[in-house]
Protein backbone atom coordinates (compact mmCIF):
# COMPACT_ATOMS: atom_id res chain seq x y z
CA MET A 1 50.13 -71.72 -37.95
CA SER A 2 46.73 -71.73 -36.36
CA GLY A 3 46.82 -68.34 -34.01
CA VAL A 4 47.94 -66.67 -38.04
CA VAL A 5 44.27 -68.27 -38.74
CA PHE A 6 42.77 -66.79 -35.47
CA LEU A 7 43.70 -63.10 -36.00
CA ILE A 8 43.22 -63.08 -39.68
CA LEU A 9 39.51 -64.68 -39.05
CA LEU A 10 39.37 -61.71 -36.56
CA LEU A 11 40.29 -58.92 -38.59
CA LEU A 12 38.03 -60.17 -40.71
CA GLY A 13 34.96 -59.88 -38.75
CA LEU A 14 34.17 -63.83 -38.28
CA PRO A 15 32.00 -64.38 -34.97
CA LEU A 16 34.28 -65.03 -31.77
CA ALA A 17 32.85 -68.75 -30.98
CA PHE A 18 33.63 -69.45 -35.45
CA THR A 19 37.03 -68.18 -34.84
CA LEU A 20 38.28 -69.79 -32.38
CA ILE A 21 36.69 -73.12 -33.56
CA ALA A 22 38.25 -72.89 -36.44
CA SER A 23 41.86 -72.07 -35.46
CA GLY A 24 41.39 -74.99 -32.41
CA MET A 25 40.66 -77.52 -35.75
CA VAL A 26 43.30 -76.38 -37.37
CA TYR A 27 45.84 -76.66 -35.15
CA PHE A 28 44.63 -79.91 -34.72
CA ALA A 29 45.31 -80.72 -38.32
CA GLN A 30 48.42 -79.66 -38.10
CA ASN A 31 49.31 -82.35 -35.31
CA PRO A 32 47.94 -85.80 -36.51
CA GLU A 33 48.97 -87.44 -33.05
CA LEU A 34 45.91 -85.46 -31.86
CA PRO A 35 42.41 -87.12 -33.04
CA THR A 36 40.22 -84.88 -34.11
CA ALA A 37 37.93 -86.30 -32.09
CA VAL A 38 39.43 -85.08 -28.49
CA ALA A 39 38.27 -81.23 -29.86
CA VAL A 40 34.69 -82.53 -29.67
CA GLN A 41 35.71 -83.66 -26.46
CA ARG A 42 36.99 -80.65 -25.40
CA MET A 43 34.00 -78.86 -25.74
CA VAL A 44 31.62 -81.02 -24.76
CA ALA A 45 34.12 -80.93 -21.42
CA ALA A 46 33.90 -77.07 -20.99
CA SER A 47 30.07 -77.36 -20.92
CA GLN A 48 30.53 -79.56 -17.97
CA SER A 49 30.78 -77.50 -15.17
CA PHE A 50 28.23 -76.71 -12.30
CA PRO A 51 30.15 -73.48 -11.46
CA LEU A 52 29.17 -72.04 -14.84
CA LEU A 53 25.50 -72.15 -14.29
CA ALA A 54 25.87 -68.57 -12.58
CA VAL A 55 26.38 -67.17 -16.10
CA PRO A 56 23.06 -68.01 -17.57
CA PHE A 57 21.01 -67.05 -14.50
CA PHE A 58 22.64 -63.37 -13.70
CA ILE A 59 22.46 -62.71 -16.98
CA LEU A 60 18.44 -63.62 -17.31
CA ALA A 61 18.10 -61.82 -13.27
CA GLY A 62 20.25 -58.86 -15.40
CA HIS A 63 17.59 -58.51 -18.03
CA VAL A 64 14.68 -58.84 -16.09
CA MET A 65 15.84 -56.39 -12.80
CA ASN A 66 16.14 -53.68 -16.03
CA CYS A 67 12.81 -54.74 -16.95
CA SER A 68 11.13 -54.07 -12.82
CA GLY A 69 11.74 -50.89 -11.93
CA ILE A 70 14.82 -50.91 -9.92
CA THR A 71 17.28 -49.07 -13.11
CA LYS A 72 14.56 -46.44 -12.48
CA ARG A 73 14.69 -45.99 -8.47
CA LEU A 74 19.17 -46.57 -8.87
CA ILE A 75 18.54 -43.46 -11.35
CA HIS A 76 17.04 -41.88 -8.89
CA VAL A 77 19.21 -42.14 -5.85
CA SER A 78 22.40 -41.31 -7.84
CA ASN A 79 21.07 -38.65 -8.98
CA LEU A 80 20.12 -37.54 -5.79
CA LEU A 81 23.08 -38.03 -4.29
CA VAL A 82 25.36 -36.34 -6.62
CA ALA A 83 24.01 -34.34 -9.61
CA TRP A 84 24.79 -31.06 -7.56
CA ILE A 85 28.50 -31.48 -7.93
CA SER A 86 30.05 -29.70 -10.62
CA GLY A 87 29.84 -31.78 -13.89
CA GLY A 88 26.02 -32.69 -13.05
CA LEU A 89 24.92 -35.99 -14.57
CA ALA A 90 28.33 -37.12 -15.37
CA HIS A 91 28.68 -37.97 -12.14
CA VAL A 92 25.32 -39.71 -11.86
CA THR A 93 26.11 -41.89 -14.76
CA ILE A 94 29.35 -43.08 -12.29
CA VAL A 95 27.35 -43.36 -9.18
CA LEU A 96 25.25 -45.70 -11.32
CA SER A 97 27.67 -47.77 -12.46
CA ALA A 98 28.72 -48.59 -9.29
CA LEU A 99 24.93 -49.37 -7.91
CA MET A 100 24.16 -51.77 -11.23
CA GLY A 101 27.85 -53.44 -11.14
CA GLY A 102 24.84 -56.18 -8.54
CA VAL A 103 22.31 -55.79 -11.78
CA SER A 104 23.86 -55.63 -15.23
CA GLY A 105 26.84 -57.67 -14.48
CA SER A 106 27.97 -56.39 -17.36
CA ALA A 107 30.36 -53.24 -18.13
CA ILE A 108 28.99 -53.68 -21.90
CA ALA A 109 25.31 -53.77 -20.82
CA ASP A 110 25.78 -50.92 -18.42
CA ALA A 111 27.18 -48.63 -21.02
CA ALA A 112 24.58 -49.42 -23.20
CA MET A 113 21.71 -48.65 -20.78
CA GLN A 114 23.34 -45.39 -19.50
CA ALA A 115 23.41 -44.02 -22.69
CA ARG A 116 19.89 -44.48 -24.15
CA ILE A 117 18.73 -43.10 -20.44
CA LEU A 118 21.08 -40.60 -19.48
CA GLY A 119 23.29 -39.66 -23.23
CA GLU A 120 20.42 -37.20 -23.81
CA PRO A 121 19.99 -35.39 -20.51
CA MET A 122 23.30 -35.49 -20.15
CA GLN A 123 23.84 -33.26 -23.63
CA GLU A 124 20.73 -31.45 -22.43
CA SER A 125 22.13 -29.92 -19.22
CA GLY A 126 25.52 -28.33 -20.90
CA LEU A 127 28.02 -31.25 -21.12
CA SER A 128 29.50 -32.17 -24.69
CA LYS A 129 29.32 -35.27 -26.61
CA GLY A 130 32.59 -36.25 -25.83
CA PHE A 131 32.14 -35.69 -22.43
CA SER A 132 29.21 -37.67 -22.13
CA ALA A 133 29.97 -40.63 -24.22
CA ALA A 134 33.84 -40.64 -21.94
CA THR A 135 32.07 -40.38 -18.64
CA ILE A 136 29.32 -43.13 -19.61
CA THR A 137 32.04 -45.47 -21.35
CA VAL A 138 35.16 -45.87 -18.83
CA SER A 139 32.84 -45.51 -15.59
CA ALA A 140 30.77 -48.62 -17.10
CA LEU A 141 34.67 -50.12 -15.92
CA ILE A 142 33.43 -50.29 -11.58
CA THR A 143 30.87 -53.30 -13.26
CA ALA A 144 34.04 -55.15 -13.99
CA CYS A 145 34.37 -55.02 -10.08
CA ILE A 146 30.70 -55.25 -8.53
CA PRO A 147 29.76 -58.25 -7.73
CA PRO A 148 27.60 -60.20 -10.00
CA SER A 149 30.09 -59.27 -12.48
CA ILE A 150 29.99 -62.48 -15.02
CA GLY A 151 34.01 -61.28 -16.34
CA LEU A 152 34.76 -62.44 -12.51
CA ILE A 153 32.31 -65.30 -12.79
CA LEU A 154 33.71 -66.99 -16.14
CA TYR A 155 37.74 -66.12 -14.42
CA GLY A 156 36.54 -67.58 -11.33
CA TYR A 157 35.74 -70.99 -13.70
CA MET A 158 38.55 -70.97 -15.79
CA GLY A 159 41.07 -70.42 -13.21
CA ASN A 160 39.24 -72.31 -10.56
CA VAL A 161 39.32 -69.61 -7.78
CA SER A 162 36.94 -69.21 -5.17
CA ILE A 163 34.28 -67.05 -7.07
CA GLY A 164 33.04 -65.93 -3.77
CA LYS A 165 36.61 -64.09 -2.53
CA LEU A 166 36.56 -62.70 -5.93
CA PHE A 167 32.86 -60.70 -4.96
CA LEU A 168 34.25 -59.84 -2.23
CA ALA A 169 37.83 -58.79 -3.41
CA GLY A 170 36.31 -56.61 -5.93
CA LEU A 171 34.26 -54.10 -3.42
CA ILE A 172 37.02 -51.87 -2.54
CA PRO A 173 38.59 -51.53 -6.03
CA GLY A 174 34.88 -51.20 -7.78
CA LEU A 175 34.75 -47.86 -4.62
CA LEU A 176 38.19 -46.51 -5.19
CA LEU A 177 37.53 -46.73 -9.00
CA THR A 178 34.13 -44.68 -8.36
CA LEU A 179 36.23 -42.26 -6.51
CA VAL A 180 39.02 -41.80 -8.55
CA LEU A 181 36.57 -41.08 -11.43
CA MET A 182 34.21 -38.34 -9.75
CA LEU A 183 37.47 -36.74 -8.82
CA VAL A 184 38.77 -36.33 -12.85
CA VAL A 185 35.31 -35.96 -14.08
CA TYR A 186 35.31 -32.98 -11.37
CA LEU A 187 38.38 -31.91 -12.22
CA GLN A 188 37.13 -31.80 -15.64
CA ALA A 189 33.89 -30.19 -15.17
CA ARG A 190 35.46 -27.17 -13.42
CA LYS A 191 37.83 -26.33 -16.28
CA LYS A 192 35.62 -26.25 -18.79
CA GLY A 193 33.20 -25.09 -17.01
CA PHE A 194 30.64 -27.69 -16.77
CA ALA A 195 27.76 -26.73 -14.36
CA PRO A 196 25.97 -28.53 -11.88
CA THR A 197 22.47 -29.65 -12.31
CA GLN A 198 21.31 -29.39 -9.08
CA ALA A 199 22.16 -26.10 -6.85
CA ASN A 200 21.90 -27.50 -3.56
CA PRO A 201 23.36 -30.96 -2.08
CA PRO A 202 20.21 -33.16 -0.99
CA SER A 203 18.48 -33.04 3.12
CA PHE A 204 19.89 -35.90 4.97
CA LYS A 205 15.80 -36.53 4.75
CA GLN A 206 15.55 -36.90 0.79
CA ILE A 207 18.62 -39.17 0.40
CA LEU A 208 16.42 -41.48 3.46
CA GLU A 209 13.45 -41.17 1.77
CA ALA A 210 15.21 -42.29 -1.95
CA ILE A 211 17.08 -44.98 -0.25
CA ASN A 212 13.92 -46.41 1.37
CA GLN A 213 12.27 -46.06 -2.19
CA SER A 214 15.07 -48.34 -3.55
CA LYS A 215 16.53 -50.77 -0.73
CA TRP A 216 15.25 -53.54 -2.28
CA ALA A 217 17.84 -52.90 -5.51
CA LEU A 218 20.29 -51.49 -2.86
CA LEU A 219 19.76 -55.07 -0.94
CA PHE A 220 20.59 -57.13 -3.15
CA PRO A 221 24.60 -57.54 -3.75
CA VAL A 222 24.49 -57.38 0.47
CA LEU A 223 22.39 -60.52 -0.03
CA LEU A 224 24.63 -62.18 -2.94
CA ILE A 225 27.31 -61.95 -1.36
CA VAL A 226 26.20 -62.64 2.57
CA THR A 227 24.56 -66.22 1.17
CA ILE A 228 27.86 -66.79 -0.97
CA ARG A 229 29.85 -66.04 1.92
CA PHE A 230 28.13 -68.54 4.83
CA GLY A 231 27.71 -70.92 2.05
CA ILE A 232 23.24 -70.63 1.97
CA PHE A 233 24.47 -70.26 -2.10
CA THR A 234 26.67 -71.56 -4.03
CA PRO A 235 27.27 -69.03 -7.04
CA SER A 236 25.46 -71.07 -9.34
CA GLU A 237 22.72 -71.18 -6.55
CA ALA A 238 22.89 -67.43 -6.20
CA GLY A 239 22.03 -66.59 -9.84
CA ALA A 240 19.26 -68.89 -9.69
CA PHE A 241 18.14 -67.03 -6.35
CA ALA A 242 19.01 -64.17 -8.46
CA VAL A 243 16.40 -64.19 -10.92
CA LEU A 244 13.82 -65.42 -8.42
CA TYR A 245 14.41 -62.14 -6.18
CA ALA A 246 14.30 -59.42 -9.46
CA CYS A 247 10.73 -61.06 -9.96
CA VAL A 248 9.42 -61.16 -6.83
CA VAL A 249 10.53 -57.41 -6.07
CA GLY A 250 9.54 -56.62 -9.46
CA ARG A 251 6.19 -58.27 -9.25
CA PHE A 252 5.08 -57.18 -5.56
CA ALA A 253 7.31 -54.17 -4.35
CA TYR A 254 7.46 -52.58 -7.36
CA ARG A 255 4.29 -53.28 -9.69
CA GLU A 256 5.85 -52.99 -12.29
CA LEU A 257 6.79 -56.26 -13.76
CA THR A 258 4.60 -57.94 -15.84
CA LEU A 259 4.15 -61.23 -18.11
CA SER A 260 5.56 -59.26 -21.52
CA ASP A 261 8.15 -58.24 -19.40
CA ILE A 262 9.28 -61.90 -18.70
CA THR A 263 9.09 -62.87 -21.86
CA THR A 264 10.95 -60.42 -23.33
CA SER A 265 13.67 -60.64 -20.71
CA LEU A 266 13.90 -64.54 -21.26
CA SER A 267 14.48 -63.74 -24.83
CA GLU A 268 17.27 -61.02 -24.98
CA SER A 269 18.94 -63.68 -22.43
CA VAL A 270 19.07 -66.94 -24.73
CA SER A 271 20.58 -64.44 -27.07
CA ASP A 272 22.94 -63.54 -24.66
CA ILE A 273 23.78 -66.89 -22.98
CA GLY A 274 23.93 -68.71 -26.53
CA MET A 275 26.64 -66.07 -27.58
CA ILE A 276 28.68 -66.09 -24.65
CA MET A 277 28.47 -70.09 -24.07
CA LEU A 278 29.15 -70.59 -27.40
CA ILE A 279 32.57 -69.03 -27.07
CA ILE A 280 33.18 -70.53 -23.47
CA LEU A 281 32.82 -74.03 -25.73
CA ALA A 282 34.87 -72.71 -28.52
CA SER A 283 37.50 -71.89 -25.93
CA GLY A 284 37.74 -75.16 -24.75
CA VAL A 285 39.57 -76.02 -28.17
CA VAL A 286 42.07 -73.67 -27.48
CA GLY A 287 42.48 -74.37 -23.89
CA TYR A 288 43.39 -78.02 -24.34
CA ALA A 289 46.21 -76.40 -26.88
CA ILE A 290 47.44 -73.73 -25.02
CA ALA A 291 47.51 -76.99 -22.08
CA TYR A 292 49.13 -79.52 -24.46
CA GLU A 293 51.87 -77.18 -25.33
CA GLN A 294 52.94 -75.53 -22.11
CA LEU A 295 52.37 -72.75 -22.77
CA PRO A 296 52.19 -72.09 -18.74
CA VAL A 297 55.41 -72.95 -18.16
CA SER A 298 57.00 -72.02 -21.34
CA LEU A 299 56.11 -68.57 -20.30
CA THR A 300 56.36 -68.88 -16.76
CA LEU A 301 60.28 -70.04 -17.11
CA ALA A 302 60.68 -66.89 -19.88
CA VAL A 303 59.29 -64.67 -17.12
CA THR A 304 61.45 -65.47 -14.26
CA GLU A 305 64.00 -65.32 -16.09
CA VAL A 306 63.90 -61.55 -17.02
CA THR A 307 63.75 -60.76 -13.51
CA GLU A 308 61.33 -62.80 -10.06
CA GLN A 309 60.51 -59.98 -8.56
CA PRO A 310 56.76 -60.86 -8.08
CA GLN A 311 55.74 -56.94 -8.44
CA LEU A 312 57.43 -56.78 -11.46
CA ILE A 313 56.08 -59.55 -12.96
CA LEU A 314 52.44 -58.59 -12.32
CA LEU A 315 53.03 -55.02 -13.76
CA MET A 316 54.37 -57.00 -16.76
CA ALA A 317 51.41 -59.52 -17.11
CA LEU A 318 49.20 -56.23 -16.92
CA ALA A 319 50.87 -54.61 -19.14
CA ILE A 320 50.33 -57.69 -21.93
CA LEU A 321 46.35 -57.66 -20.49
CA LEU A 322 46.03 -54.37 -21.79
CA VAL A 323 47.52 -54.22 -25.32
CA VAL A 324 45.85 -57.28 -25.74
CA GLY A 325 42.58 -55.74 -24.56
CA VAL A 326 42.86 -53.01 -26.95
CA VAL A 327 42.91 -55.64 -30.00
CA MET A 328 40.64 -58.35 -28.57
CA GLU A 329 37.01 -58.69 -26.80
CA GLY A 330 37.10 -58.96 -22.99
CA THR A 331 35.53 -62.31 -22.58
CA ILE A 332 37.82 -63.57 -24.81
CA THR A 333 41.00 -62.38 -23.15
CA VAL A 334 39.37 -63.61 -20.20
CA LEU A 335 38.96 -67.14 -21.39
CA LEU A 336 41.83 -67.87 -23.38
CA LEU A 337 44.68 -66.00 -20.93
CA THR A 338 43.49 -66.86 -17.67
CA PRO A 339 45.03 -70.43 -17.74
CA ILE A 340 48.14 -69.26 -18.94
CA LEU A 341 48.74 -66.43 -16.44
CA VAL A 342 46.93 -67.61 -13.38
CA PRO A 343 49.86 -70.29 -13.38
CA LEU A 344 52.28 -68.06 -13.79
CA MET A 345 51.11 -65.42 -10.63
CA GLN A 346 50.94 -68.55 -8.40
CA SER A 347 54.32 -69.43 -8.83
CA VAL A 348 56.03 -66.26 -8.26
CA GLY A 349 53.32 -65.95 -5.39
CA VAL A 350 50.70 -63.72 -6.16
CA ASP A 351 47.57 -64.25 -5.00
CA PRO A 352 44.98 -65.61 -8.20
CA VAL A 353 41.97 -63.27 -6.36
CA HIS A 354 44.05 -60.17 -6.67
CA PHE A 355 45.29 -61.09 -10.26
CA GLY A 356 41.52 -61.72 -10.90
CA ILE A 357 40.65 -58.36 -9.90
CA LEU A 358 43.30 -56.26 -11.77
CA MET A 359 43.01 -58.71 -14.55
CA LEU A 360 38.92 -57.84 -15.25
CA ILE A 361 39.86 -54.02 -15.38
CA MET A 362 42.58 -54.61 -17.89
CA VAL A 363 40.19 -56.40 -19.85
CA THR A 364 37.47 -54.35 -19.42
CA LEU A 365 39.46 -51.01 -20.05
CA GLY A 366 40.19 -52.41 -23.57
CA GLY A 367 36.88 -52.70 -24.48
CA THR A 368 36.57 -48.50 -24.07
CA THR A 369 39.62 -48.10 -26.49
CA PRO A 370 40.13 -48.50 -30.12
CA PRO A 371 40.50 -50.52 -32.50
CA VAL A 372 37.74 -53.31 -30.67
CA GLY A 373 35.93 -51.26 -27.98
CA ILE A 374 32.75 -52.49 -28.27
CA ALA A 375 31.70 -49.90 -25.21
CA MET A 376 33.48 -47.32 -26.85
CA TYR A 377 31.11 -47.98 -30.43
CA ALA A 378 28.24 -48.53 -28.49
CA VAL A 379 27.86 -45.79 -26.98
CA CYS A 380 29.04 -43.95 -29.39
CA ASN A 381 26.46 -44.78 -31.90
CA ILE A 382 23.96 -44.00 -29.78
CA LEU A 383 25.20 -40.74 -29.05
CA ASN A 384 26.05 -39.58 -32.21
CA CYS A 385 29.72 -39.19 -31.05
CA SER A 386 32.86 -39.04 -33.24
CA THR A 387 35.79 -41.39 -31.88
CA ALA A 388 38.12 -38.43 -31.88
CA ASP A 389 35.69 -36.20 -29.42
CA TYR A 390 35.34 -39.68 -27.80
CA LEU A 391 39.48 -39.93 -26.84
CA LYS A 392 40.39 -36.46 -25.94
CA ALA A 393 37.69 -36.62 -22.91
CA ALA A 394 38.41 -40.08 -22.29
CA LEU A 395 42.32 -40.05 -22.07
CA PRO A 396 42.36 -38.03 -18.63
CA LEU A 397 40.13 -40.80 -17.20
CA PHE A 398 42.30 -43.13 -19.00
CA VAL A 399 45.60 -42.33 -17.11
CA ALA A 400 43.32 -41.70 -13.61
CA VAL A 401 42.42 -45.40 -13.84
CA LEU A 402 45.75 -47.07 -14.74
CA ALA A 403 47.22 -45.04 -12.12
CA LEU A 404 45.17 -47.12 -9.45
CA VAL A 405 45.31 -50.13 -11.32
CA VAL A 406 48.84 -49.67 -10.23
CA VAL A 407 48.50 -49.09 -7.07
CA LEU A 408 46.13 -51.96 -6.70
CA ALA A 409 48.64 -53.88 -7.96
CA LEU A 410 51.85 -52.85 -5.77
CA TYR A 411 49.55 -52.54 -2.23
CA PRO A 412 47.41 -56.16 -2.21
CA PRO A 413 45.48 -55.53 1.15
CA LEU A 414 43.35 -53.04 -0.99
CA VAL A 415 42.11 -56.06 -2.53
CA LEU A 416 42.59 -58.65 -0.30
CA PHE A 417 41.23 -56.88 3.05
CA LEU A 418 37.81 -58.06 2.93
CA PRO A 419 38.50 -61.42 1.21
CA GLU A 420 41.28 -62.28 4.12
CA LEU A 421 38.53 -60.91 7.03
CA LEU A 422 35.63 -62.82 5.69
CA PHE A 423 37.20 -65.70 4.11
C-alpha cells in the first residue's frame, strides 16, 4: 500500500521529501506493532552522520566557485583545447563538464549552467538546438564520476563505502566517458557538417598560458583527493576546506569574489541544502521500512536463484537502475536503492566501490531522459528546444554511454585500479 501511495504522490507532482514521508507513515500505519515515534526517531537518526556534513559544504563551495571567476577560466581552457575539432563548442561543453566535476559536484547544476553560458553561442556557431541541448545534457553525466560528486558522497554515506575510494575510482571512468562522448560528437558533427569554431589547434605556448591562468581552478580536485587519501582531511573537512579555498582564490587570486557574491551563494546554497537534507531525513523512514521487511535479503535470494554469476547479477542490477532512473529522480534512487543493492553486490563478490561508480552513471543517465529527466527539461527550457529534437540528437550519445558502462562492468580494473593502487 505504501508503495502505491508513493507512486501516486510522485505522479501528482508532490515534492519528493513529502512523498517519502507520506508513504513511510502509511507503512507505519499499516503495521500497528511499529510505534509512530520510531518514524520520527529514524528521521532524526538519518541526520546524525559526520560524513553527511560534506554535502552542504560542497554545495556551498560549488556556488562560491561559480561566482569567483573559476568557471570563466575553465571555459577559456576548454575552448582553447578542443574548439578546433569538428563540432567546436560541442566539444568545449564536454571538456568543461569534466573540469567542472570538481567544482559543481552536480549534473543538474552543471547542465543548467552550461546551457545558460554556452547554449546560445553553440547555436550561433551553426550547431542545431537539439544537438546543442543533447551534448550539454548528456555530457553532464561526467560530473557523476569526477569528485566531489554529491551522488558519490550520498552513496558512500548510505552504503557505508569509503568516499575517498569512490572519489579516486571515478577518475578513470570520468576520463573514458569524456573521450567516448567526444568521439561520438566528432562523428556526428562530421556527418551533419558542423564546422569547428577555430581554424587551427592551439600552440603549446597558448596551452601553457591558459593552464597557468586557471591553475587554481585545476588544482582543486587534486588537492581534494590528496588530502583525503593521506588522511589530512575527512570528506567533511575537505568540504569545509573547499569553501575556504573557493573564497581565498576568488578574492585574492582572481580578485572577482565580492561580499555580495558570497551573500548570493549562501542564499542559493540554503535552498539546495534544505531540499537535499529534507529528502535524506525522509529517506530514513523509508530505509527503516526496507530493513524491517528484509528486502535486501529477499532480493539477494531471488536473484541468486536465477544466476550466481557476479557479472550477470551486476548487469541485471544496472538494467534495473536504468529503468528506475528513467522514472525517478537520481538522488531518491541513490538514497532508496543503495541500502538494498550494496548488500546484494557484496554477497556475490562485486566490489561496492566498483558498483557505486556504475550506479551513479546509470541513475544520472535517467536525469537526461523522459519522463522525469530534470537535467533534460532544464536544458531544453533554457534553449527553447523540443523534446523530440533533443531525443533524436541524444540517441547516439545514450548508446555510447551504455556501451561504456557494459565495458566498465565487465572489466572492473578500469574502475578499481586507482583505489587499489593508492589505498
